[in-house]
Amino acid sequence: EEEEEEEEEEDFVLVGYRPTRGKGKSSSLVFEQEKEEEEEEGTAEHSSTPIRKRGGSVVLSAPSIDDDFDLELSKFKRLVETISPTPGIDALREEFEKNTSLQAVENAKIETEERARLRKSRVQLAAQRRMQRLEEELRLTLVEESASRDGAMLKIASFQNALSLRDVSDASVTNKATEVRLNRVEKERKENLENISQLVQDAKTMAQKQREEKEKQKKIEAEKKLEEEKRDKEIQKQKEKMKQEEEARALAEAKQREAEKVPAVYVTAEALEAEKRSLQVLHAARERVAAYSASPEAKRERRTIIQRLTIHVQQVACTKDQVVKKADDIIREFLTPATPEHIRTYAMITLSKKILAQCDVQVAKLNRYAFALAEVLARCAAHIPELSEIFVALLRDACPLAVPKYYPFLKSKYAEEKEYFKICGYAPSEDDPNAFESSDSYANRISGYMLLYGAYVQVSRVVVQNHPHSIDQAWAWFSRLLNKCPPNRQTAVALESFLKHAGHEFVKTYRNQGVKLLLVIAQQWIPKLESARDPDAVPVISRLRTYLNERKFEILPEGSNMPKTDTSSLTI
């Protein structure tokens, strides 16, 4: 059967068509009809050709070449038997057999080609018929599908109509049910409102009765409480009296112990002697101008001096030309030998105050401005050394740490905090004249004063030859602070500000000895400050550590190397 199917596929390949072998009902019926037609046609046209049937399929088989040869050979033998033997008959027989075999082969070849041609034509005809039947089946199938689709659409339309009718009926039923339910809910609501009103009224009545009972109870309790409070007050008064007596005794003992242990002020003897000398100069200067300052006739002149000095100080710029110009202007107007002594002294005191006033306004905000002010002051003081003593005395009066001098707070010494704040140099508060500035504001003012003081002492004698308060005062200040003043926030701020402006010139002048003093600060003084664990001192500790660790004392402080001139220094 497999061989027959292969032959059939070869026949269809000849016409360029390969039939689909499926298991469908229609295709199998058509295939059987085609086989029957092929059998009938084959029987009618070639009745002599043998036909084989295997498994329901028709296969045409061509006669074998050997069979034809045997048939002719038998005929020839019968003919030879009828003829009497003649000479050379064997040669003729062989030649005849050879010709007969060749003719049989040629005939078989021709017959095979003819059968192949007929079979190809039959296969082509069968393929055309099959395609026609398939097209007809496809057309019938499409017609059936269209009819079934139209029927389905009709059913869907009828279902939709039925659903619409049912929805209408359901909506009417739902509306009626909703109306009935709403009526029932409204009726229940009215009944609930009536019940609630009754309950509210009953609750109000009950609450009124309870309030009356509570008020009565409160009155009784209040009376009892008043009696208990009276007794408690009497007992408390007795306890407070006893406590005050104990606190008074403890305070007296503490004051006595504190007075014995803590000094009234931290300062060295040398610092006190230096402060005393500068204060004597200041007091002598004030005595010389006392009459002039109080004279009504000199009021206009004093105002003119103040205005002129204010303008000069405000016009000081951070350039060398402007510093020299302002110093020369001040000397020429107020500090020449020809100037009356009382006017010269009054101008020195006023100039010192105006420069110190810039510590709050300019120096604390713009640190480099301190170098310009300091050089102007140094040039004027080189001309009249008394000016330096007056300035330093006023600076130490405004900022005791410039001595350096530190006042600890002792309850046994100060009756009120105001007295302590005043002696330490705290300024009155801007918001409340009866109060003093905050600790942060005080620390900022200390920083401004010490920045100016550091810039003043670092002015080199190369720049100002007769500078009366030069870098040797920096060594004295450092040693006095480290030897006597306790490490705390205020002293640390003063140290950091003074070191920031005077540190470079100090190390440049004293070299190894100056570096050793800075090591004492880093290795001994700062650890003591850190051990106090004051959170307000953390920023200044960080700045000190940075200055020493990064060796900023080897670099010129910002603003100390002023340019020669600048457009901002031009004045009219």
Protein backbone atom coordinates (compact mmCIF):
# COMPACT_ATOMS: atom_id res chain seq x y z
CA GLU A 1 0.00 0.00 0.00
CA GLU A 2 2.85 2.41 0.75
CA GLU A 3 4.31 1.81 -2.75
CA GLU A 4 0.93 2.51 -4.36
CA GLU A 5 0.55 5.77 -2.36
CA GLU A 6 4.03 6.85 -3.43
CA GLU A 7 3.17 6.15 -7.11
CA GLU A 8 -0.02 8.15 -6.74
CA GLU A 9 1.89 11.10 -5.22
CA GLU A 10 4.37 10.92 -8.13
CA ASP A 11 1.46 11.08 -10.59
CA PHE A 12 0.06 14.20 -8.92
CA VAL A 13 3.52 15.77 -8.78
CA LEU A 14 3.64 15.51 -12.59
CA VAL A 15 0.63 17.86 -12.85
CA GLY A 16 1.89 20.17 -10.03
CA TYR A 17 -0.82 19.28 -7.47
CA ARG A 18 -0.58 17.47 -4.17
CA PRO A 19 -3.98 16.37 -2.70
CA THR A 20 -4.69 16.90 1.04
CA ARG A 21 -4.94 13.60 2.88
CA GLY A 22 -7.28 14.30 5.75
CA LYS A 23 -9.71 12.28 7.72
CA GLY A 24 -12.75 14.41 6.79
CA LYS A 25 -15.82 12.77 5.46
CA SER A 26 -16.24 14.81 2.29
CA SER A 27 -12.62 14.38 1.13
CA SER A 28 -12.67 10.58 1.56
CA LEU A 29 -15.93 10.25 -0.45
CA VAL A 30 -14.57 12.34 -3.29
CA PHE A 31 -11.36 10.30 -3.33
CA GLU A 32 -13.29 7.02 -3.61
CA GLN A 33 -15.40 8.36 -6.48
CA GLU A 34 -12.26 9.44 -8.28
CA LYS A 35 -10.79 5.96 -7.90
CA GLU A 36 -13.94 4.32 -9.31
CA GLU A 37 -13.94 6.66 -12.32
CA GLU A 38 -10.26 5.95 -12.94
CA GLU A 39 -10.94 2.20 -12.85
CA GLU A 40 -13.79 2.50 -15.36
CA GLU A 41 -11.76 4.66 -17.74
CA GLY A 42 -8.74 2.39 -17.46
CA THR A 43 -10.86 -0.71 -18.22
CA ALA A 44 -12.50 0.92 -21.24
CA GLU A 45 -9.37 2.26 -22.86
CA HIS A 46 -6.89 -0.55 -22.04
CA SER A 47 -8.72 -3.78 -21.52
CA SER A 48 -5.54 -5.71 -22.26
CA THR A 49 -3.58 -3.92 -19.48
CA PRO A 50 -3.64 -5.78 -16.15
CA ILE A 51 -5.12 -3.81 -13.11
CA ARG A 52 -4.27 -4.40 -9.46
CA LYS A 53 -6.44 -3.30 -6.46
CA ARG A 54 -4.83 -2.95 -3.02
CA GLY A 55 -6.55 -1.44 -0.01
CA GLY A 56 -9.31 0.34 -1.99
CA SER A 57 -6.93 2.27 -4.36
CA VAL A 58 -6.49 1.65 -8.13
CA VAL A 59 -2.99 1.14 -9.56
CA LEU A 60 -2.20 0.74 -13.28
CA SER A 61 0.61 -1.77 -13.94
CA ALA A 62 2.42 -1.92 -17.35
CA PRO A 63 3.29 -5.38 -18.86
CA SER A 64 6.84 -6.56 -18.15
CA ILE A 65 9.44 -6.59 -20.94
CA ASP A 66 10.41 -10.16 -20.03
CA ASP A 67 6.82 -11.40 -20.49
CA ASP A 68 6.63 -10.06 -24.09
CA PHE A 69 9.95 -11.59 -24.91
CA ASP A 70 8.93 -15.01 -23.67
CA LEU A 71 5.68 -14.82 -25.67
CA GLU A 72 7.47 -14.03 -28.93
CA LEU A 73 10.09 -16.62 -28.22
CA SER A 74 7.47 -19.35 -27.77
CA LYS A 75 5.81 -18.34 -31.05
CA PHE A 76 9.10 -18.53 -32.81
CA LYS A 77 9.86 -21.94 -31.45
CA ARG A 78 6.53 -23.24 -32.63
CA LEU A 79 7.21 -21.86 -36.09
CA VAL A 80 10.65 -23.41 -36.17
CA GLU A 81 9.25 -26.81 -35.22
CA THR A 82 6.93 -26.72 -38.22
CA ILE A 83 9.78 -26.02 -40.60
CA SER A 84 12.13 -28.78 -41.61
CA PRO A 85 15.68 -28.32 -40.62
CA THR A 86 17.81 -26.60 -43.22
CA PRO A 87 21.50 -25.77 -43.31
CA GLY A 88 22.38 -22.51 -41.41
CA ILE A 89 19.16 -22.59 -39.48
CA ASP A 90 20.97 -22.00 -36.16
CA ALA A 91 22.51 -18.77 -37.34
CA LEU A 92 19.15 -17.53 -38.63
CA ARG A 93 17.55 -18.47 -35.35
CA GLU A 94 20.03 -16.53 -33.33
CA GLU A 95 19.64 -13.48 -35.56
CA PHE A 96 15.86 -13.69 -35.35
CA GLU A 97 15.96 -13.98 -31.57
CA LYS A 98 18.20 -10.94 -31.35
CA ASN A 99 15.94 -8.86 -33.63
CA THR A 100 12.88 -10.05 -31.78
CA SER A 101 14.35 -8.98 -28.38
CA LEU A 102 15.25 -5.50 -29.64
CA GLN A 103 11.80 -5.03 -31.18
CA ALA A 104 10.16 -6.15 -27.95
CA VAL A 105 12.25 -3.67 -25.91
CA GLU A 106 11.35 -0.81 -28.29
CA ASN A 107 7.68 -1.71 -28.21
CA ALA A 108 7.71 -1.91 -24.39
CA LYS A 109 9.37 1.50 -24.15
CA ILE A 110 6.83 3.11 -26.47
CA GLU A 111 3.94 1.47 -24.64
CA THR A 112 5.36 2.64 -21.25
CA GLU A 113 5.61 6.26 -22.44
CA GLU A 114 2.06 6.10 -23.81
CA ARG A 115 0.75 4.75 -20.53
CA ALA A 116 2.61 7.51 -18.59
CA ARG A 117 1.10 10.17 -20.87
CA LEU A 118 -2.39 8.75 -20.41
CA ARG A 119 -1.92 8.48 -16.69
CA LYS A 120 -0.75 12.15 -16.49
CA SER A 121 -3.79 13.30 -18.48
CA ARG A 122 -6.07 11.28 -16.18
CA VAL A 123 -4.42 12.77 -13.08
CA GLN A 124 -4.80 16.31 -14.47
CA LEU A 125 -8.47 15.66 -15.21
CA ALA A 126 -8.98 14.20 -11.73
CA ALA A 127 -7.27 17.24 -10.14
CA GLN A 128 -9.52 19.63 -12.07
CA ARG A 129 -12.62 17.74 -10.98
CA ARG A 130 -11.44 17.70 -7.41
CA MET A 131 -10.80 21.47 -7.42
CA GLN A 132 -14.29 22.06 -8.81
CA ARG A 133 -15.86 19.93 -6.11
CA LEU A 134 -13.81 21.69 -3.39
CA GLU A 135 -14.90 25.11 -4.68
CA GLU A 136 -18.53 23.95 -4.65
CA GLU A 137 -18.17 22.64 -1.10
CA LEU A 138 -16.61 25.98 -0.03
CA ARG A 139 -19.48 27.92 -1.61
CA LEU A 140 -22.07 25.71 0.10
CA THR A 141 -20.22 26.08 3.41
CA LEU A 142 -20.22 29.90 3.11
CA VAL A 143 -23.94 29.87 2.29
CA GLU A 144 -24.64 27.70 5.33
CA GLU A 145 -22.53 29.96 7.58
CA SER A 146 -24.34 33.09 6.31
CA ALA A 147 -27.70 31.47 6.94
CA SER A 148 -26.68 30.38 10.45
CA ARG A 149 -25.30 33.88 11.19
CA ASP A 150 -28.54 35.52 10.07
CA GLY A 151 -30.48 33.13 12.29
CA ALA A 152 -28.25 33.89 15.24
CA MET A 153 -28.73 37.65 14.70
CA LEU A 154 -32.48 37.17 14.66
CA LYS A 155 -32.28 35.22 17.91
CA ILE A 156 -30.10 37.92 19.48
CA ALA A 157 -32.56 40.63 18.46
CA SER A 158 -35.46 38.65 19.92
CA PHE A 159 -33.48 38.11 23.15
CA GLN A 160 -32.74 41.85 23.35
CA ASN A 161 -36.37 42.73 22.91
CA ALA A 162 -37.31 40.24 25.61
CA LEU A 163 -34.66 41.67 27.95
CA SER A 164 -35.86 45.23 27.30
CA LEU A 165 -39.41 44.25 28.14
CA ARG A 166 -38.21 42.49 31.27
CA ASP A 167 -36.12 45.53 32.32
CA VAL A 168 -39.14 47.78 31.93
CA SER A 169 -41.24 45.49 34.04
CA ASP A 170 -38.46 45.12 36.61
CA ALA A 171 -38.03 48.91 36.79
CA SER A 172 -41.69 49.43 37.50
CA VAL A 173 -41.62 46.74 40.16
CA THR A 174 -38.43 48.27 41.63
CA ASN A 175 -39.97 51.75 41.72
CA LYS A 176 -43.00 50.47 43.52
CA ALA A 177 -40.86 48.55 46.00
CA THR A 178 -38.67 51.63 46.53
CA GLU A 179 -41.68 53.81 47.16
CA VAL A 180 -43.04 51.34 49.69
CA ARG A 181 -39.64 51.11 51.36
CA LEU A 182 -39.29 54.91 51.52
CA ASN A 183 -42.70 55.25 53.07
CA ARG A 184 -41.79 52.67 55.65
CA VAL A 185 -38.44 54.38 56.36
CA GLU A 186 -40.15 57.77 56.73
CA LYS A 187 -42.64 56.33 59.14
CA GLU A 188 -39.84 54.70 61.17
CA ARG A 189 -37.89 57.99 61.13
CA LYS A 190 -40.81 59.93 62.56
CA GLU A 191 -41.27 57.34 65.26
CA ASN A 192 -37.52 57.46 66.06
CA LEU A 193 -37.60 61.25 66.28
CA GLU A 194 -40.46 61.11 68.73
CA ASN A 195 -38.60 58.53 70.80
CA ILE A 196 -35.38 60.56 70.66
CA SER A 197 -37.19 63.70 71.75
CA GLN A 198 -38.60 61.89 74.70
CA LEU A 199 -35.20 60.43 75.56
CA VAL A 200 -33.55 63.84 75.27
CA GLN A 201 -36.09 65.36 77.59
CA ASP A 202 -35.61 62.56 80.08
CA ALA A 203 -31.82 62.96 79.80
CA LYS A 204 -32.03 66.70 80.40
CA THR A 205 -34.14 66.16 83.47
CA MET A 206 -31.72 63.55 84.76
CA ALA A 207 -28.70 65.76 83.97
CA GLN A 208 -30.27 68.68 85.82
CA LYS A 209 -30.76 66.53 88.87
CA GLN A 210 -27.18 65.25 88.65
CA ARG A 211 -25.78 68.81 88.31
CA GLU A 212 -27.68 69.92 91.37
CA GLU A 213 -26.34 66.98 93.33
CA LYS A 214 -22.79 67.62 92.05
CA GLU A 215 -22.96 71.30 92.98
CA LYS A 216 -24.00 70.40 96.47
CA GLN A 217 -21.18 67.89 96.67
CA LYS A 218 -18.69 70.47 95.29
CA LYS A 219 -19.69 73.01 97.92
CA ILE A 220 -19.13 70.48 100.63
CA GLU A 221 -15.77 69.46 99.12
CA ALA A 222 -14.72 73.11 98.62
CA GLU A 223 -15.36 73.88 102.25
CA LYS A 224 -13.30 70.87 103.26
CA LYS A 225 -10.56 71.85 100.82
CA LEU A 226 -10.37 75.39 102.17
CA GLU A 227 -9.90 74.07 105.64
CA GLU A 228 -7.18 71.68 104.42
CA GLU A 229 -5.46 74.46 102.45
CA LYS A 230 -5.38 76.67 105.50
CA ARG A 231 -3.73 73.91 107.47
CA ASP A 232 -1.33 73.18 104.57
CA LYS A 233 -0.39 76.86 104.27
CA GLU A 234 0.45 77.07 107.89
CA ILE A 235 2.55 73.94 107.65
CA GLN A 236 4.18 75.21 104.40
CA LYS A 237 5.03 78.54 105.99
CA GLN A 238 6.74 76.76 108.80
CA LYS A 239 8.66 74.55 106.35
CA GLU A 240 9.68 77.52 104.16
CA LYS A 241 10.86 79.41 107.18
CA MET A 242 12.98 76.48 108.25
CA LYS A 243 14.26 76.02 104.68
CA GLN A 244 15.19 79.70 104.36
CA GLU A 245 17.08 79.55 107.58
CA GLU A 246 18.94 76.44 106.36
CA GLU A 247 19.67 78.05 102.96
CA ALA A 248 20.92 81.20 104.62
CA ARG A 249 23.29 79.19 106.76
CA ALA A 250 24.42 77.10 103.76
CA LEU A 251 24.88 80.24 101.63
CA ALA A 252 26.92 81.90 104.31
CA GLU A 253 29.09 78.83 104.61
CA ALA A 254 29.44 78.54 100.81
CA LYS A 255 30.37 82.19 100.46
CA GLN A 256 32.94 81.78 103.14
CA ARG A 257 34.41 78.67 101.46
CA GLU A 258 34.28 80.30 98.01
CA ALA A 259 35.95 83.44 99.25
CA GLU A 260 38.70 81.34 100.74
CA LYS A 261 39.29 79.29 97.54
CA VAL A 262 38.51 81.51 94.51
CA PRO A 263 40.29 84.83 93.99
CA ALA A 264 38.27 87.91 93.21
CA VAL A 265 40.08 88.38 89.90
CA TYR A 266 42.51 86.32 87.79
CA VAL A 267 45.40 88.60 86.84
CA THR A 268 49.18 88.70 87.18
CA ALA A 269 51.02 91.37 89.11
CA GLU A 270 52.81 92.55 85.97
CA ALA A 271 49.50 92.96 84.15
CA LEU A 272 48.07 94.98 87.04
CA GLU A 273 51.15 97.22 87.03
CA ALA A 274 50.88 97.82 83.28
CA GLU A 275 47.16 98.57 83.60
CA LYS A 276 47.87 100.98 86.45
CA ARG A 277 50.39 102.92 84.35
CA SER A 278 48.05 103.30 81.38
CA LEU A 279 45.17 104.31 83.68
CA GLN A 280 47.36 107.01 85.26
CA VAL A 281 48.08 108.43 81.82
CA LEU A 282 44.35 108.35 80.97
CA HIS A 283 43.34 110.02 84.25
CA ALA A 284 45.98 112.73 83.76
CA ALA A 285 44.69 113.38 80.23
CA ARG A 286 41.11 113.60 81.43
CA GLU A 287 42.11 116.06 84.16
CA ARG A 288 43.79 118.28 81.56
CA VAL A 289 40.62 118.46 79.42
CA ALA A 290 38.09 118.50 82.26
CA ALA A 291 37.61 122.24 82.14
CA TYR A 292 37.63 122.26 78.32
CA SER A 293 35.05 119.45 78.14
CA ALA A 294 32.69 121.26 80.51
CA SER A 295 33.07 124.72 78.98
CA PRO A 296 29.91 125.90 77.12
CA GLU A 297 31.99 128.34 75.05
CA ALA A 298 34.05 125.42 73.61
CA LYS A 299 31.00 123.33 72.72
CA ARG A 300 31.11 124.29 69.02
CA GLU A 301 34.84 123.63 68.85
CA ARG A 302 34.47 120.25 70.54
CA ARG A 303 31.72 119.31 68.08
CA THR A 304 33.97 120.29 65.18
CA ILE A 305 36.83 118.12 66.52
CA ILE A 306 34.48 115.16 66.94
CA GLN A 307 33.06 115.55 63.43
CA ARG A 308 36.47 115.89 61.80
CA LEU A 309 37.87 112.84 63.61
CA THR A 310 34.74 110.83 62.81
CA ILE A 311 35.16 111.62 59.11
CA HIS A 312 38.84 110.69 59.17
CA VAL A 313 38.18 107.34 60.88
CA GLN A 314 35.30 106.51 58.56
CA GLN A 315 37.41 107.34 55.50
CA VAL A 316 40.18 104.91 56.49
CA ALA A 317 40.44 102.28 53.73
CA CYS A 318 42.50 99.09 53.47
CA THR A 319 45.20 100.61 51.22
CA LYS A 320 48.65 101.89 52.12
CA ASP A 321 48.18 105.29 50.48
CA GLN A 322 44.90 105.94 52.26
CA VAL A 323 46.33 104.84 55.65
CA VAL A 324 49.32 107.17 55.28
CA LYS A 325 47.09 110.01 54.09
CA LYS A 326 44.60 109.70 56.98
CA ALA A 327 47.39 109.43 59.56
CA ASP A 328 49.08 112.56 58.15
CA ASP A 329 45.76 114.44 58.08
CA ILE A 330 45.05 113.64 61.75
CA ILE A 331 48.60 114.57 62.84
CA ARG A 332 48.54 117.83 60.86
CA GLU A 333 45.14 118.91 62.21
CA PHE A 334 45.33 117.83 65.86
CA LEU A 335 48.70 116.42 66.96
CA THR A 336 51.31 119.01 66.00
CA PRO A 337 53.33 120.87 68.69
CA ALA A 338 51.58 124.05 67.65
CA THR A 339 48.19 122.62 68.65
CA PRO A 340 47.05 123.72 72.12
CA GLU A 341 47.59 120.99 74.68
CA HIS A 342 43.95 120.73 75.77
CA ILE A 343 42.80 120.40 72.13
CA ARG A 344 45.53 117.83 71.37
CA THR A 345 44.62 115.80 74.48
CA TYR A 346 40.89 115.99 73.73
CA ALA A 347 41.59 114.87 70.14
CA MET A 348 43.68 111.89 71.36
CA ILE A 349 40.89 110.70 73.68
CA THR A 350 38.25 111.22 70.97
CA LEU A 351 40.35 109.46 68.30
CA SER A 352 40.87 106.44 70.58
CA LYS A 353 37.14 106.21 71.32
CA LYS A 354 36.21 106.51 67.62
CA ILE A 355 38.63 103.73 66.66
CA LEU A 356 37.38 101.48 69.48
CA ALA A 357 33.79 102.15 68.37
CA GLN A 358 34.64 100.53 65.01
CA CYS A 359 35.19 97.18 66.78
CA ASP A 360 31.42 96.63 67.07
CA VAL A 361 30.58 98.15 63.69
CA GLN A 362 33.30 97.11 61.24
CA VAL A 363 36.05 94.95 62.74
CA ALA A 364 33.76 92.16 64.01
CA LYS A 365 32.19 91.91 60.53
CA LEU A 366 35.24 92.71 58.35
CA ASN A 367 38.32 91.49 60.24
CA ARG A 368 40.89 92.90 57.81
CA TYR A 369 39.66 96.45 58.51
CA ALA A 370 41.46 96.17 61.87
CA PHE A 371 44.87 96.37 60.14
CA ALA A 372 44.09 99.71 58.48
CA LEU A 373 42.79 101.24 61.74
CA ALA A 374 45.73 99.83 63.70
CA GLU A 375 48.34 101.27 61.32
CA VAL A 376 46.70 104.70 61.35
CA LEU A 377 46.73 104.61 65.15
CA ALA A 378 50.33 103.35 65.27
CA ARG A 379 51.54 106.15 62.95
CA CYS A 380 49.80 108.76 65.13
CA ALA A 381 51.11 107.14 68.35
CA ALA A 382 54.65 107.12 66.95
CA HIS A 383 54.32 110.88 66.66
CA ILE A 384 52.84 111.25 70.20
CA PRO A 385 53.45 108.08 72.39
CA GLU A 386 50.90 109.30 74.95
CA LEU A 387 48.18 108.44 72.42
CA SER A 388 49.14 104.74 72.64
CA GLU A 389 48.77 104.73 76.46
CA ILE A 390 45.38 106.46 76.23
CA PHE A 391 44.15 104.00 73.57
CA VAL A 392 45.35 100.92 75.52
CA ALA A 393 43.80 102.25 78.76
CA LEU A 394 40.41 102.79 77.05
CA LEU A 395 40.68 99.35 75.38
CA ARG A 396 41.36 97.63 78.74
CA ASP A 397 38.49 99.53 80.34
CA ALA A 398 36.08 98.32 77.62
CA CYS A 399 37.56 94.79 77.48
CA PRO A 400 39.28 93.57 80.69
CA LEU A 401 40.67 90.55 78.81
CA ALA A 402 42.98 92.95 76.96
CA VAL A 403 44.91 93.31 80.26
CA PRO A 404 44.44 90.19 80.45
CA LYS A 405 42.13 90.08 83.47
CA TYR A 406 39.20 87.76 84.24
CA TYR A 407 36.55 88.23 86.93
CA PRO A 408 34.93 85.00 88.25
CA PHE A 409 31.35 85.27 89.45
CA LEU A 410 31.22 85.04 93.27
CA LYS A 411 27.92 85.34 95.12
CA SER A 412 29.79 86.49 98.19
CA LYS A 413 31.31 89.41 96.28
CA TYR A 414 28.48 90.55 94.01
CA ALA A 415 25.06 91.31 95.47
CA GLU A 416 23.48 91.28 92.01
CA GLU A 417 24.40 89.93 88.60
CA LYS A 418 24.21 93.45 87.13
CA GLU A 419 27.23 94.48 89.18
CA TYR A 420 29.22 91.53 87.85
CA PHE A 421 28.19 92.16 84.22
CA LYS A 422 29.15 95.82 84.49
CA ILE A 423 32.64 95.14 85.84
CA CYS A 424 33.26 92.49 83.14
CA GLY A 425 32.45 94.96 80.38
CA TYR A 426 28.99 93.78 79.31
CA ALA A 427 27.14 96.45 77.32
CA PRO A 428 23.51 97.42 78.10
CA SER A 429 20.88 95.59 76.08
CA GLU A 430 19.36 97.45 73.15
CA ASP A 431 15.90 96.05 73.89
CA ASP A 432 15.94 96.62 77.66
CA PRO A 433 18.16 99.37 79.14
CA ASN A 434 17.93 97.77 82.58
CA ALA A 435 19.38 94.49 81.27
CA PHE A 436 22.71 93.55 79.65
CA GLU A 437 23.64 91.97 76.33
CA SER A 438 23.68 88.21 75.82
CA SER A 439 26.78 86.04 76.22
CA ASP A 440 27.02 85.58 72.42
CA SER A 441 26.96 89.35 71.84
CA TYR A 442 29.58 89.84 74.55
CA ALA A 443 31.83 87.19 72.94
CA ASN A 444 31.53 88.94 69.55
CA ARG A 445 32.54 92.27 71.11
CA ILE A 446 35.53 90.64 72.81
CA SER A 447 36.55 89.22 69.43
CA GLY A 448 36.37 92.67 67.78
CA TYR A 449 38.45 94.34 70.51
CA MET A 450 41.13 91.61 70.50
CA LEU A 451 41.33 91.56 66.67
CA LEU A 452 42.06 95.29 66.76
CA TYR A 453 44.54 94.87 69.64
CA GLY A 454 46.32 92.03 67.80
CA ALA A 455 46.52 94.10 64.62
CA TYR A 456 47.88 97.08 66.63
CA VAL A 457 50.72 95.20 68.35
CA GLN A 458 51.77 93.38 65.15
CA VAL A 459 52.50 96.63 63.28
CA SER A 460 56.18 96.21 62.50
CA ARG A 461 58.73 98.79 63.48
CA VAL A 462 59.96 98.53 59.90
CA VAL A 463 56.66 100.13 58.84
CA VAL A 464 56.33 102.46 61.85
CA GLN A 465 59.75 103.08 63.36
CA ASN A 466 58.79 104.53 66.73
CA HIS A 467 55.81 102.27 67.41
CA PRO A 468 55.42 102.45 71.25
CA HIS A 469 53.30 99.29 71.68
CA SER A 470 54.81 96.73 69.35
CA ILE A 471 55.12 92.89 69.20
CA ASP A 472 56.91 92.62 72.57
CA GLN A 473 53.53 93.36 74.16
CA ALA A 474 52.15 90.23 72.43
CA TRP A 475 54.61 88.01 74.33
CA ALA A 476 53.61 89.68 77.61
CA TRP A 477 49.90 89.25 76.86
CA PHE A 478 50.25 85.54 75.88
CA SER A 479 52.29 84.64 78.96
CA ARG A 480 49.98 86.50 81.38
CA LEU A 481 46.84 84.87 79.95
CA LEU A 482 48.27 81.32 79.95
CA ASN A 483 49.78 81.66 83.45
CA LYS A 484 46.80 83.15 85.27
CA CYS A 485 43.46 83.20 83.41
CA PRO A 486 41.29 80.03 83.52
CA PRO A 487 40.39 78.37 80.20
CA ASN A 488 36.75 79.16 79.33
CA ARG A 489 34.73 80.51 76.45
CA GLN A 490 35.54 84.20 77.02
CA THR A 491 39.29 83.72 77.45
CA ALA A 492 39.36 81.31 74.47
CA VAL A 493 37.64 83.88 72.22
CA ALA A 494 40.15 86.54 73.29
CA LEU A 495 43.09 84.17 72.68
CA GLU A 496 41.86 83.01 69.27
CA SER A 497 41.16 86.58 68.02
CA PHE A 498 44.49 87.99 69.27
CA LEU A 499 46.41 85.00 67.86
CA LYS A 500 44.64 85.29 64.48
CA HIS A 501 46.10 88.77 63.80
CA ALA A 502 49.29 88.83 65.89
CA GLY A 503 50.37 85.16 65.61
CA HIS A 504 52.34 85.50 62.37
CA GLU A 505 54.44 88.48 63.48
CA PHE A 506 54.85 86.88 66.93
CA VAL A 507 56.35 83.64 65.54
CA LYS A 508 58.36 85.59 62.97
CA THR A 509 59.92 87.68 65.77
CA TYR A 510 60.44 85.03 68.48
CA ARG A 511 60.90 81.99 66.17
CA ASN A 512 61.40 78.78 68.19
CA GLN A 513 60.36 80.36 71.48
CA GLY A 514 57.17 81.56 69.87
CA VAL A 515 56.43 78.08 68.50
CA LYS A 516 57.03 76.57 71.96
CA LEU A 517 54.48 78.96 73.45
CA LEU A 518 51.95 77.87 70.79
CA LEU A 519 52.66 74.23 71.70
CA VAL A 520 51.77 75.06 75.32
CA ILE A 521 48.42 76.34 74.04
CA ALA A 522 47.82 73.23 71.94
CA GLN A 523 49.00 70.61 74.44
CA GLN A 524 47.99 72.06 77.81
CA TRP A 525 45.61 74.99 77.60
CA ILE A 526 43.14 73.66 74.99
CA PRO A 527 42.78 70.20 76.68
CA LYS A 528 41.81 71.96 79.93
CA LEU A 529 39.22 73.96 78.01
CA GLU A 530 37.84 70.78 76.39
CA SER A 531 37.61 69.03 79.77
CA ALA A 532 35.08 71.64 80.92
CA ARG A 533 32.68 70.30 78.25
CA ASP A 534 31.10 73.69 77.60
CA PRO A 535 28.95 73.38 74.42
CA ASP A 536 29.25 77.13 73.77
CA ALA A 537 33.05 76.82 73.62
CA VAL A 538 33.07 74.13 70.90
CA PRO A 539 33.26 76.56 67.91
CA VAL A 540 36.18 78.56 69.32
CA ILE A 541 38.02 75.34 70.26
CA SER A 542 37.62 74.15 66.66
CA ARG A 543 39.00 77.44 65.30
CA LEU A 544 42.01 77.29 67.64
CA ARG A 545 42.74 73.68 66.68
CA THR A 546 42.51 74.51 62.99
CA TYR A 547 44.82 77.54 63.33
CA LEU A 548 47.50 75.54 65.16
CA ASN A 549 47.21 72.23 63.27
CA GLU A 550 47.30 73.90 59.86
CA ARG A 551 50.17 76.19 61.02
CA LYS A 552 48.38 79.30 59.82
CA PHE A 553 50.81 81.37 61.91
CA GLU A 554 53.30 80.82 59.09
CA ILE A 555 51.03 82.70 56.67
CA LEU A 556 50.35 86.42 56.63
CA PRO A 557 46.90 87.11 58.13
CA GLU A 558 44.26 88.14 55.64
CA GLY A 559 44.26 91.92 55.15
CA SER A 560 47.65 92.64 56.71
CA ASN A 561 49.40 93.04 53.34
CA MET A 562 47.39 95.99 52.08
CA PRO A 563 47.62 97.08 48.42
CA LYS A 564 49.20 100.42 47.68
CA THR A 565 46.08 102.05 46.30
CA ASP A 566 42.52 101.31 45.30
CA THR A 567 39.67 103.22 43.70
CA SER A 568 37.68 102.91 46.93
CA SER A 569 40.31 105.01 48.73
CA LEU A 570 39.56 108.12 46.67
CA THR A 571 37.89 110.84 48.74
CA ILE A 572 36.55 114.26 47.93
